[in-house]
Amino acid sequence: LMREQASAFFEWMRGGLTSNLDWFFLSAGNIFVVLCLFLIVSPYGSVRLGGTEAKPDYSYAGWFAMLFAAGMGIGLMFFGVAEPISHYSSSIAANAGTPESWAPLAGAAGDPEAARRLAMAATIFHWGLHPWAIYAIVALALALFSYNKGLPLTVRSILYPIFGERVWGWTGHVIDTLAVFATLFGLATSLGFGAEQASAGLEFLFGIPASDTSKVVLITLITGVALLSVVAGLDAGVKRLSEI
C-alpha cells in the first residue's frame, strides 16, 4: 500500500537524519562502548542480576547462541557483504566508465583507498562492538530495574530514576509506545531483507519466481515460526532455534 509514497518519505527522512545527526549517532555509539568498558572494570560490574543468590539459567554457549541469533541474524548475513560494497559503489559517479568521485560517507573525495577504508569502517561500526554495546546497556538496564528493583519489565522502568512516578502516567505511555514502534520498524526491516534473500535463493535453486506473493508467503511463514518459538518458551523455542 502506497509503496512509492512511503519509499519517498522514508528516503527523505533517512537523508535528513543522517545528514544532520550523524555526529550524534557516532558519538552515542562510542559512549555506549566506553560505558560498557567502565562497567566491566568498575565495582558496578560485580552486581548480580536477579539478586545475590541468583544463578544463570543457561550456559555461556546457550546465551551466546540466543544473543547472536537475536542480535545479528539476517542483518549480518546480508549487510556483512552488501554494506561495504554499497558504501563504496554508491560513492562513485561514473563518467564514461571513469570514476569521478570517491567519497563514501562524504569523507574520501579523490582517494579510492580512503573510500575503501571508510566503507569498511562504517560496516564495522554497524556490526562490530558498537551495536553490541547498545544492546548490552539497554538489556542490563531492563534486567536491573526489573529483577533487582521489582519494576515492570518495560522500557519506561529504565527511566524511573529520571522521571520518577511520572513514568506510570502519560510520560511512560509515550516512552513505551516509541519503544514498540522502534521494535516494529526494526523487525519489519529484518523480515523484509530475510524474505528478499530467501526468495532470491529459491529462484536461483528451484526457479520459483521472486515475486511479491512469494515474499509475502515467506514473511508469513517466518513470522509463524517466530511466534511458535516464543509461545514454546526460551528452552523449547528460542534457545533451540538459536543453537541450530
C-alpha atoms as a PDB file:
ATOM      1  CA  LEU A   1       0.000   0.000   0.000  1.00  0.00           C
ATOM      2  CA  MET A   2       1.323   3.434  -1.034  1.00  0.00           C
ATOM      3  CA  ARG A   3       4.728   1.887  -1.716  1.00  0.00           C
ATOM      4  CA  GLU A   4       6.132   4.782  -3.742  1.00  0.00           C
ATOM      5  CA  GLN A   5       4.930   7.446  -1.305  1.00  0.00           C
ATOM      6  CA  ALA A   6       6.274   5.539   1.689  1.00  0.00           C
ATOM      7  CA  SER A   7       9.597   4.944  -0.058  1.00  0.00           C
ATOM      8  CA  ALA A   8       9.968   8.637  -0.887  1.00  0.00           C
ATOM      9  CA  PHE A   9       9.031   9.704   2.649  1.00  0.00           C
ATOM     10  CA  PHE A  10      11.400   7.333   4.423  1.00  0.00           C
ATOM     11  CA  GLU A  11      14.203   8.148   1.989  1.00  0.00           C
ATOM     12  CA  TRP A  12      13.716  11.857   2.728  1.00  0.00           C
ATOM     13  CA  MET A  13      13.582  11.235   6.479  1.00  0.00           C
ATOM     14  CA  ARG A  14      16.645   8.989   6.444  1.00  0.00           C
ATOM     15  CA  GLY A  15      18.625  11.535   4.468  1.00  0.00           C
ATOM     16  CA  GLY A  16      17.684  14.326   6.849  1.00  0.00           C
ATOM     17  CA  LEU A  17      18.529  12.323   9.955  1.00  0.00           C
ATOM     18  CA  THR A  18      21.856  11.002   8.706  1.00  0.00           C
ATOM     19  CA  SER A  19      22.912  14.390   7.338  1.00  0.00           C
ATOM     20  CA  ASN A  20      22.085  16.406  10.454  1.00  0.00           C
ATOM     21  CA  LEU A  21      22.511  13.905  13.282  1.00  0.00           C
ATOM     22  CA  ASP A  22      25.439  11.794  12.096  1.00  0.00           C
ATOM     23  CA  TRP A  23      27.616  13.305  14.837  1.00  0.00           C
ATOM     24  CA  PHE A  24      25.067  12.195  17.430  1.00  0.00           C
ATOM     25  CA  PHE A  25      24.840   8.599  16.168  1.00  0.00           C
ATOM     26  CA  LEU A  26      28.622   8.189  16.079  1.00  0.00           C
ATOM     27  CA  SER A  27      29.153   9.828  19.466  1.00  0.00           C
ATOM     28  CA  ALA A  28      26.354   7.848  21.114  1.00  0.00           C
ATOM     29  CA  GLY A  29      27.774   4.557  19.840  1.00  0.00           C
ATOM     30  CA  ASN A  30      31.214   5.412  21.206  1.00  0.00           C
ATOM     31  CA  ILE A  31      29.721   6.463  24.554  1.00  0.00           C
ATOM     32  CA  PHE A  32      27.937   3.115  24.860  1.00  0.00           C
ATOM     33  CA  VAL A  33      31.201   1.244  24.224  1.00  0.00           C
ATOM     34  CA  VAL A  34      33.058   3.327  26.824  1.00  0.00           C
ATOM     35  CA  LEU A  35      30.219   2.815  29.306  1.00  0.00           C
ATOM     36  CA  CYS A  36      30.387  -0.961  28.831  1.00  0.00           C
ATOM     37  CA  LEU A  37      34.144  -0.933  29.430  1.00  0.00           C
ATOM     38  CA  PHE A  38      33.606   1.178  32.544  1.00  0.00           C
ATOM     39  CA  LEU A  39      31.033  -1.273  33.898  1.00  0.00           C
ATOM     40  CA  ILE A  40      33.424  -4.170  33.329  1.00  0.00           C
ATOM     41  CA  VAL A  41      36.257  -2.679  35.408  1.00  0.00           C
ATOM     42  CA  SER A  42      34.182  -0.757  37.976  1.00  0.00           C
ATOM     43  CA  PRO A  43      32.507  -2.133  41.138  1.00  0.00           C
ATOM     44  CA  TYR A  44      29.161  -1.928  39.310  1.00  0.00           C
ATOM     45  CA  GLY A  45      30.277  -4.857  37.200  1.00  0.00           C
ATOM     46  CA  SER A  46      30.001  -7.155  40.226  1.00  0.00           C
ATOM     47  CA  VAL A  47      26.270  -6.503  40.709  1.00  0.00           C
ATOM     48  CA  ARG A  48      24.435  -9.805  40.207  1.00  0.00           C
ATOM     49  CA  LEU A  49      21.272  -9.529  38.147  1.00  0.00           C
ATOM     50  CA  GLY A  50      18.343 -11.144  39.913  1.00  0.00           C
ATOM     51  CA  GLY A  51      19.795 -10.752  43.392  1.00  0.00           C
ATOM     52  CA  THR A  52      22.793 -12.015  45.326  1.00  0.00           C
ATOM     53  CA  GLU A  53      21.621 -15.646  45.217  1.00  0.00           C
ATOM     54  CA  ALA A  54      20.584 -15.714  41.547  1.00  0.00           C
ATOM     55  CA  LYS A  55      22.010 -18.426  39.272  1.00  0.00           C
ATOM     56  CA  PRO A  56      22.197 -18.328  35.448  1.00  0.00           C
ATOM     57  CA  ASP A  57      19.505 -20.332  33.680  1.00  0.00           C
ATOM     58  CA  TYR A  58      21.658 -21.177  30.644  1.00  0.00           C
ATOM     59  CA  SER A  59      25.251 -21.942  29.794  1.00  0.00           C
ATOM     60  CA  TYR A  60      27.554 -19.470  28.078  1.00  0.00           C
ATOM     61  CA  ALA A  61      27.092 -21.393  24.828  1.00  0.00           C
ATOM     62  CA  GLY A  62      23.301 -21.183  25.102  1.00  0.00           C
ATOM     63  CA  TRP A  63      23.362 -17.468  25.881  1.00  0.00           C
ATOM     64  CA  PHE A  64      25.810 -16.801  23.054  1.00  0.00           C
ATOM     65  CA  ALA A  65      23.642 -18.654  20.533  1.00  0.00           C
ATOM     66  CA  MET A  66      20.484 -16.782  21.555  1.00  0.00           C
ATOM     67  CA  LEU A  67      22.168 -13.379  21.721  1.00  0.00           C
ATOM     68  CA  PHE A  68      23.940 -13.782  18.392  1.00  0.00           C
ATOM     69  CA  ALA A  69      20.855 -15.073  16.569  1.00  0.00           C
ATOM     70  CA  ALA A  70      18.622 -12.355  18.021  1.00  0.00           C
ATOM     71  CA  GLY A  71      21.161  -9.540  17.848  1.00  0.00           C
ATOM     72  CA  MET A  72      22.513 -10.124  14.346  1.00  0.00           C
ATOM     73  CA  GLY A  73      20.693 -12.866  12.459  1.00  0.00           C
ATOM     74  CA  ILE A  74      19.546 -11.976   8.964  1.00  0.00           C
ATOM     75  CA  GLY A  75      21.051  -8.497   9.011  1.00  0.00           C
ATOM     76  CA  LEU A  76      24.650  -9.665   9.356  1.00  0.00           C
ATOM     77  CA  MET A  77      24.269 -12.286   6.624  1.00  0.00           C
ATOM     78  CA  PHE A  78      23.075  -9.626   4.178  1.00  0.00           C
ATOM     79  CA  PHE A  79      24.886  -6.451   5.196  1.00  0.00           C
ATOM     80  CA  GLY A  80      28.151  -8.114   6.174  1.00  0.00           C
ATOM     81  CA  VAL A  81      28.825  -8.372   2.440  1.00  0.00           C
ATOM     82  CA  ALA A  82      26.456  -5.821   0.926  1.00  0.00           C
ATOM     83  CA  GLU A  83      27.171  -2.827   3.149  1.00  0.00           C
ATOM     84  CA  PRO A  84      30.857  -2.170   2.350  1.00  0.00           C
ATOM     85  CA  ILE A  85      30.168  -2.730  -1.343  1.00  0.00           C
ATOM     86  CA  SER A  86      27.169  -0.394  -1.182  1.00  0.00           C
ATOM     87  CA  HIS A  87      29.121   2.372   0.574  1.00  0.00           C
ATOM     88  CA  TYR A  88      31.954   2.046  -1.889  1.00  0.00           C
ATOM     89  CA  SER A  89      29.970   1.751  -5.121  1.00  0.00           C
ATOM     90  CA  SER A  90      27.356   4.395  -4.296  1.00  0.00           C
ATOM     91  CA  SER A  91      30.113   6.960  -3.865  1.00  0.00           C
ATOM     92  CA  ILE A  92      31.303   6.602  -7.446  1.00  0.00           C
ATOM     93  CA  ALA A  93      29.822   8.894 -10.076  1.00  0.00           C
ATOM     94  CA  ALA A  94      30.841   7.301 -13.354  1.00  0.00           C
ATOM     95  CA  ASN A  95      31.503   9.332 -16.482  1.00  0.00           C
ATOM     96  CA  ALA A  96      32.040   7.050 -19.464  1.00  0.00           C
ATOM     97  CA  GLY A  97      33.164   4.359 -17.049  1.00  0.00           C
ATOM     98  CA  THR A  98      35.664   6.612 -15.265  1.00  0.00           C
ATOM     99  CA  PRO A  99      35.071   7.200 -11.545  1.00  0.00           C
ATOM    100  CA  GLU A 100      34.901  10.910 -10.744  1.00  0.00           C
ATOM    101  CA  SER A 101      34.186  10.847  -7.021  1.00  0.00           C
ATOM    102  CA  TRP A 102      35.346   8.512  -4.293  1.00  0.00           C
ATOM    103  CA  ALA A 103      33.562   9.566  -1.128  1.00  0.00           C
ATOM    104  CA  PRO A 104      31.566   7.012   0.821  1.00  0.00           C
ATOM    105  CA  LEU A 105      30.078   8.828   3.794  1.00  0.00           C
ATOM    106  CA  ALA A 106      31.401  12.068   2.247  1.00  0.00           C
ATOM    107  CA  GLY A 107      34.906  11.629   3.587  1.00  0.00           C
ATOM    108  CA  ALA A 108      37.284  10.387   0.884  1.00  0.00           C
ATOM    109  CA  ALA A 109      36.986  12.629  -2.159  1.00  0.00           C
ATOM    110  CA  GLY A 110      39.581  11.770  -4.781  1.00  0.00           C
ATOM    111  CA  ASP A 111      41.097   8.893  -2.799  1.00  0.00           C
ATOM    112  CA  PRO A 112      39.910   5.375  -3.708  1.00  0.00           C
ATOM    113  CA  GLU A 113      41.956   3.758  -0.945  1.00  0.00           C
ATOM    114  CA  ALA A 114      40.402   6.040   1.663  1.00  0.00           C
ATOM    115  CA  ALA A 115      36.996   5.215   0.198  1.00  0.00           C
ATOM    116  CA  ARG A 116      37.642   1.523   0.773  1.00  0.00           C
ATOM    117  CA  ARG A 117      38.789   2.149   4.336  1.00  0.00           C
ATOM    118  CA  LEU A 118      35.751   4.287   5.147  1.00  0.00           C
ATOM    119  CA  ALA A 119      33.390   1.727   3.637  1.00  0.00           C
ATOM    120  CA  MET A 120      34.858  -0.964   5.897  1.00  0.00           C
ATOM    121  CA  ALA A 121      34.942   1.394   8.896  1.00  0.00           C
ATOM    122  CA  ALA A 122      31.232   2.145   8.530  1.00  0.00           C
ATOM    123  CA  THR A 123      30.434  -1.568   8.266  1.00  0.00           C
ATOM    124  CA  ILE A 124      32.493  -2.421  11.346  1.00  0.00           C
ATOM    125  CA  PHE A 125      30.801   0.418  13.242  1.00  0.00           C
ATOM    126  CA  HIS A 126      27.394  -1.035  12.391  1.00  0.00           C
ATOM    127  CA  TRP A 127      28.242  -4.704  13.045  1.00  0.00           C
ATOM    128  CA  GLY A 128      31.164  -4.658  15.484  1.00  0.00           C
ATOM    129  CA  LEU A 129      31.367  -3.657  19.147  1.00  0.00           C
ATOM    130  CA  HIS A 130      29.082  -0.629  18.933  1.00  0.00           C
ATOM    131  CA  PRO A 131      25.723  -2.347  18.353  1.00  0.00           C
ATOM    132  CA  TRP A 132      26.540  -4.966  20.982  1.00  0.00           C
ATOM    133  CA  ALA A 133      27.370  -2.212  23.472  1.00  0.00           C
ATOM    134  CA  ILE A 134      23.988  -0.587  22.813  1.00  0.00           C
ATOM    135  CA  TYR A 135      22.175  -3.914  23.213  1.00  0.00           C
ATOM    136  CA  ALA A 136      24.092  -4.652  26.415  1.00  0.00           C
ATOM    137  CA  ILE A 137      23.343  -1.336  28.125  1.00  0.00           C
ATOM    138  CA  VAL A 138      19.622  -1.493  27.327  1.00  0.00           C
ATOM    139  CA  ALA A 139      19.403  -5.152  28.403  1.00  0.00           C
ATOM    140  CA  LEU A 140      21.337  -4.515  31.617  1.00  0.00           C
ATOM    141  CA  ALA A 141      19.115  -1.570  32.494  1.00  0.00           C
ATOM    142  CA  LEU A 142      15.935  -3.571  31.858  1.00  0.00           C
ATOM    143  CA  ALA A 143      17.201  -6.525  33.891  1.00  0.00           C
ATOM    144  CA  LEU A 144      18.440  -4.372  36.777  1.00  0.00           C
ATOM    145  CA  PHE A 145      15.234  -2.413  37.276  1.00  0.00           C
ATOM    146  CA  SER A 146      13.010  -5.441  36.696  1.00  0.00           C
ATOM    147  CA  TYR A 147      14.751  -8.296  38.527  1.00  0.00           C
ATOM    148  CA  ASN A 148      16.658  -6.314  41.154  1.00  0.00           C
ATOM    149  CA  LYS A 149      14.331  -3.367  41.766  1.00  0.00           C
ATOM    150  CA  GLY A 150      10.981  -5.071  41.191  1.00  0.00           C
ATOM    151  CA  LEU A 151       9.728  -2.720  38.464  1.00  0.00           C
ATOM    152  CA  PRO A 152       7.771  -3.897  35.381  1.00  0.00           C
ATOM    153  CA  LEU A 153       9.834  -5.285  32.503  1.00  0.00           C
ATOM    154  CA  THR A 154       9.172  -2.264  30.268  1.00  0.00           C
ATOM    155  CA  VAL A 155      11.344   0.443  28.757  1.00  0.00           C
ATOM    156  CA  ARG A 156       9.712   3.089  30.940  1.00  0.00           C
ATOM    157  CA  SER A 157      11.213   1.409  34.014  1.00  0.00           C
ATOM    158  CA  ILE A 158      14.720   2.271  32.779  1.00  0.00           C
ATOM    159  CA  LEU A 159      13.882   5.973  33.044  1.00  0.00           C
ATOM    160  CA  TYR A 160      12.344   5.760  36.517  1.00  0.00           C
ATOM    161  CA  PRO A 161      15.399   7.441  38.152  1.00  0.00           C
ATOM    162  CA  ILE A 162      14.923  10.415  35.794  1.00  0.00           C
ATOM    163  CA  PHE A 163      11.146  10.847  35.691  1.00  0.00           C
ATOM    164  CA  GLY A 164      10.176   9.222  38.984  1.00  0.00           C
ATOM    165  CA  GLU A 165       6.489   8.412  39.432  1.00  0.00           C
ATOM    166  CA  ARG A 166       5.679  10.186  36.174  1.00  0.00           C
ATOM    167  CA  VAL A 167       6.714   7.063  34.253  1.00  0.00           C
ATOM    168  CA  TRP A 168       3.425   5.471  35.342  1.00  0.00           C
ATOM    169  CA  GLY A 169       1.467   8.245  33.590  1.00  0.00           C
ATOM    170  CA  TRP A 170       1.362   9.610  30.048  1.00  0.00           C
ATOM    171  CA  THR A 171       5.138  10.138  30.019  1.00  0.00           C
ATOM    172  CA  GLY A 172       5.673   6.410  30.435  1.00  0.00           C
ATOM    173  CA  HIS A 173       2.982   5.619  27.871  1.00  0.00           C
ATOM    174  CA  VAL A 174       4.836   7.757  25.304  1.00  0.00           C
ATOM    175  CA  ILE A 175       8.146   6.048  26.122  1.00  0.00           C
ATOM    176  CA  ASP A 176       6.727   2.541  25.755  1.00  0.00           C
ATOM    177  CA  THR A 177       4.834   3.478  22.581  1.00  0.00           C
ATOM    178  CA  LEU A 178       8.011   4.806  20.962  1.00  0.00           C
ATOM    179  CA  ALA A 179       9.816   1.612  22.005  1.00  0.00           C
ATOM    180  CA  VAL A 180       7.103  -0.512  20.388  1.00  0.00           C
ATOM    181  CA  PHE A 181       7.313   1.430  17.123  1.00  0.00           C
ATOM    182  CA  ALA A 182      11.118   1.251  17.124  1.00  0.00           C
ATOM    183  CA  THR A 183      10.919  -2.523  17.593  1.00  0.00           C
ATOM    184  CA  LEU A 184       8.239  -2.812  14.914  1.00  0.00           C
ATOM    185  CA  PHE A 185      10.282  -0.949  12.295  1.00  0.00           C
ATOM    186  CA  GLY A 186      13.399  -2.917  13.216  1.00  0.00           C
ATOM    187  CA  LEU A 187      11.593  -6.246  12.813  1.00  0.00           C
ATOM    188  CA  ALA A 188       9.982  -5.119   9.562  1.00  0.00           C
ATOM    189  CA  THR A 189      13.418  -4.355   8.113  1.00  0.00           C
ATOM    190  CA  SER A 190      14.827  -7.728   9.164  1.00  0.00           C
ATOM    191  CA  LEU A 191      11.813  -9.594   7.811  1.00  0.00           C
ATOM    192  CA  GLY A 192      11.990  -7.693   4.541  1.00  0.00           C
ATOM    193  CA  PHE A 193      15.657  -8.463   3.954  1.00  0.00           C
ATOM    194  CA  GLY A 194      15.155 -12.062   5.029  1.00  0.00           C
ATOM    195  CA  ALA A 195      12.315 -12.515   2.560  1.00  0.00           C
ATOM    196  CA  GLU A 196      14.402 -10.912  -0.208  1.00  0.00           C
ATOM    197  CA  GLN A 197      17.295 -13.297   0.444  1.00  0.00           C
ATOM    198  CA  ALA A 198      15.115 -16.386   0.730  1.00  0.00           C
ATOM    199  CA  SER A 199      13.092 -15.608  -2.398  1.00  0.00           C
ATOM    200  CA  ALA A 200      16.258 -14.904  -4.400  1.00  0.00           C
ATOM    201  CA  GLY A 201      17.721 -18.216  -3.210  1.00  0.00           C
ATOM    202  CA  LEU A 202      14.563 -20.142  -4.111  1.00  0.00           C
ATOM    203  CA  GLU A 203      14.555 -18.576  -7.569  1.00  0.00           C
ATOM    204  CA  PHE A 204      18.208 -19.439  -8.127  1.00  0.00           C
ATOM    205  CA  LEU A 205      17.914 -23.032  -6.869  1.00  0.00           C
ATOM    206  CA  PHE A 206      14.417 -24.073  -7.921  1.00  0.00           C
ATOM    207  CA  GLY A 207      13.248 -21.460 -10.419  1.00  0.00           C
ATOM    208  CA  ILE A 208      10.481 -20.155  -8.135  1.00  0.00           C
ATOM    209  CA  PRO A 209       9.822 -16.533  -9.195  1.00  0.00           C
ATOM    210  CA  ALA A 210      10.927 -13.943  -6.629  1.00  0.00           C
ATOM    211  CA  SER A 211       7.552 -12.195  -6.736  1.00  0.00           C
ATOM    212  CA  ASP A 212       5.751 -10.136  -4.115  1.00  0.00           C
ATOM    213  CA  THR A 213       3.493 -13.127  -3.476  1.00  0.00           C
ATOM    214  CA  SER A 214       6.397 -15.431  -2.658  1.00  0.00           C
ATOM    215  CA  LYS A 215       7.876 -12.797  -0.337  1.00  0.00           C
ATOM    216  CA  VAL A 216       4.569 -12.373   1.497  1.00  0.00           C
ATOM    217  CA  VAL A 217       4.334 -16.153   1.914  1.00  0.00           C
ATOM    218  CA  LEU A 218       7.890 -16.292   3.243  1.00  0.00           C
ATOM    219  CA  ILE A 219       7.259 -13.427   5.678  1.00  0.00           C
ATOM    220  CA  THR A 220       4.122 -15.201   6.902  1.00  0.00           C
ATOM    221  CA  LEU A 221       5.989 -18.477   7.407  1.00  0.00           C
ATOM    222  CA  ILE A 222       8.915 -16.798   9.187  1.00  0.00           C
ATOM    223  CA  THR A 223       6.531 -14.874  11.435  1.00  0.00           C
ATOM    224  CA  GLY A 224       4.640 -18.074  12.216  1.00  0.00           C
ATOM    225  CA  VAL A 225       7.824 -19.930  13.190  1.00  0.00           C
ATOM    226  CA  ALA A 226       8.911 -16.971  15.335  1.00  0.00           C
ATOM    227  CA  LEU A 227       5.544 -16.889  17.107  1.00  0.00           C
ATOM    228  CA  LEU A 228       5.681 -20.628  17.767  1.00  0.00           C
ATOM    229  CA  SER A 229       9.182 -20.323  19.214  1.00  0.00           C
ATOM    230  CA  VAL A 230       8.072 -17.512  21.530  1.00  0.00           C
ATOM    231  CA  VAL A 231       4.961 -19.384  22.655  1.00  0.00           C
ATOM    232  CA  ALA A 232       7.047 -22.511  23.290  1.00  0.00           C
ATOM    233  CA  GLY A 233       9.306 -20.530  25.629  1.00  0.00           C
ATOM    234  CA  LEU A 234      13.045 -19.958  25.752  1.00  0.00           C
ATOM    235  CA  ASP A 235      14.022 -23.578  26.457  1.00  0.00           C
ATOM    236  CA  ALA A 236      11.968 -25.298  23.768  1.00  0.00           C
ATOM    237  CA  GLY A 237      11.748 -22.462  21.249  1.00  0.00           C
ATOM    238  CA  VAL A 238      14.201 -19.576  21.027  1.00  0.00           C
ATOM    239  CA  LYS A 239      17.167 -21.441  22.557  1.00  0.00           C
ATOM    240  CA  ARG A 240      16.779 -24.492  20.333  1.00  0.00           C
ATOM    241  CA  LEU A 241      16.315 -22.464  17.134  1.00  0.00           C
ATOM    242  CA  SER A 242      19.304 -20.265  18.004  1.00  0.00           C
ATOM    243  CA  GLU A 243      21.573 -23.248  18.631  1.00  0.00           C
ATOM    244  CA  ILE A 244      20.547 -24.763  15.284  1.00  0.00           C
END
